[in-house]
Amino acid sequence: MTIDLKPEQQSVIDLAVRSGAYRNPGEVLDQAFEIIRGQLDFEDWTGEQREAIAAHIEKGFAQAERGELIDGDAAVEMLRQQRAERLKQQG
C-alpha cells in the first residue's frame, strides 16, 4: 500500500524520528495507530456504558424529585465507609 502524506504530516514524522524517541518512520506510525486503537476502544466502552449511565442518572433525578436526598456530609461518610469495607475485603 502506498500512502501520500501531506507535508505537515511528513514533518511531524521527521521531527519524531529526529527527536530520538523513534528509530524510523514505521515506529512513529505504529505508535500513532496504537493511540488511535486505544481511543476507539474507549469510545466503544463509553458507547456500551452510555445507556447504563443514563439509567442511573434518571433514577437519581426521580429520587431527588421524591425528596429522597442525602445530606452531602452523610453521603461522603457513606462513601468512606464503603471504601473502607472494600479495602478490608481485599486484604
Protein backbone atom coordinates (compact mmCIF):
# COMPACT_ATOMS: atom_id res chain seq x y z
CA MET A 1 0.00 0.00 0.00
CA THR A 2 1.20 3.46 -0.81
CA ILE A 3 0.14 6.44 1.25
CA ASP A 4 0.69 10.03 0.22
CA LEU A 5 1.39 12.21 3.24
CA LYS A 6 0.72 15.89 3.48
CA PRO A 7 3.90 17.91 4.05
CA GLU A 8 2.75 18.70 7.62
CA GLN A 9 2.32 15.00 8.37
CA GLN A 10 5.75 14.17 6.99
CA SER A 11 7.25 16.98 9.08
CA VAL A 12 5.74 15.52 12.26
CA ILE A 13 7.11 12.09 11.45
CA ASP A 14 10.53 13.50 10.63
CA LEU A 15 10.56 15.53 13.85
CA ALA A 16 9.62 12.48 15.89
CA VAL A 17 12.47 10.45 14.37
CA ARG A 18 14.97 13.30 14.80
CA SER A 19 13.97 13.59 18.48
CA GLY A 20 15.45 10.15 19.04
CA ALA A 21 12.22 8.80 20.51
CA TYR A 22 11.70 6.65 17.39
CA ARG A 23 14.22 4.81 15.23
CA ASN A 24 12.29 5.17 11.99
CA PRO A 25 9.02 6.41 10.49
CA GLY A 26 7.44 2.98 10.93
CA GLU A 27 7.79 3.21 14.70
CA VAL A 28 6.14 6.62 14.66
CA LEU A 29 3.20 5.23 12.71
CA ASP A 30 2.98 2.14 14.96
CA GLN A 31 2.67 4.44 17.98
CA ALA A 32 0.09 6.62 16.23
CA PHE A 33 -2.02 3.59 15.33
CA GLU A 34 -1.75 2.28 18.89
CA ILE A 35 -3.07 5.61 20.21
CA ILE A 36 -5.92 5.59 17.70
CA ARG A 37 -6.83 2.00 18.63
CA GLY A 38 -6.94 2.99 22.31
CA GLN A 39 -9.26 5.89 21.54
CA LEU A 40 -11.56 3.66 19.51
CA ASP A 41 -11.63 1.06 22.28
CA PHE A 42 -12.51 3.79 24.79
CA GLU A 43 -15.29 5.07 22.53
CA ASP A 44 -16.68 1.53 22.26
CA TRP A 45 -16.66 1.23 26.05
CA THR A 46 -18.34 4.57 26.61
CA GLY A 47 -20.95 3.75 23.98
CA GLU A 48 -21.77 0.49 25.72
CA GLN A 49 -21.95 2.18 29.11
CA ARG A 50 -23.99 5.19 27.95
CA GLU A 51 -27.38 3.51 28.49
CA ALA A 52 -26.46 2.23 31.95
CA ILE A 53 -25.15 5.63 33.00
CA ALA A 54 -28.28 7.36 31.65
CA ALA A 55 -30.45 4.94 33.64
CA HIS A 56 -28.54 5.73 36.85
CA ILE A 57 -28.91 9.46 36.25
CA GLU A 58 -32.64 9.11 35.56
CA LYS A 59 -33.07 7.09 38.75
CA GLY A 60 -31.19 9.75 40.72
CA PHE A 61 -33.35 12.56 39.35
CA ALA A 62 -36.51 10.61 40.20
CA GLN A 63 -35.26 10.06 43.76
CA ALA A 64 -34.46 13.75 44.10
CA GLU A 65 -37.92 14.72 42.87
CA ARG A 66 -39.43 12.47 45.54
CA GLY A 67 -37.27 14.15 48.16
CA GLU A 68 -35.08 11.07 48.69
CA LEU A 69 -31.92 13.07 49.17
CA ILE A 70 -28.87 12.50 51.36
CA ASP A 71 -27.00 15.32 53.07
CA GLY A 72 -23.61 15.92 51.41
CA ASP A 73 -21.61 15.17 54.55
CA ALA A 74 -23.61 11.99 55.13
CA ALA A 75 -23.00 10.92 51.52
CA VAL A 76 -19.26 11.46 51.87
CA GLU A 77 -19.20 9.46 55.09
CA MET A 78 -21.18 6.65 53.45
CA LEU A 79 -18.68 6.53 50.57
CA ARG A 80 -15.77 6.45 53.01
CA GLN A 81 -17.32 3.53 54.86
CA GLN A 82 -17.95 1.65 51.60
CA ARG A 83 -14.34 2.21 50.56
CA ALA A 84 -13.05 1.03 53.93
CA GLU A 85 -15.13 -2.14 53.59
CA ARG A 86 -13.81 -2.82 50.08
CA LEU A 87 -10.22 -2.32 51.24
CA LYS A 88 -10.79 -4.63 54.22
CA GLN A 89 -12.23 -7.33 51.95
CA GLN A 90 -9.27 -7.04 49.58
CA GLY A 91 -6.96 -7.70 52.50
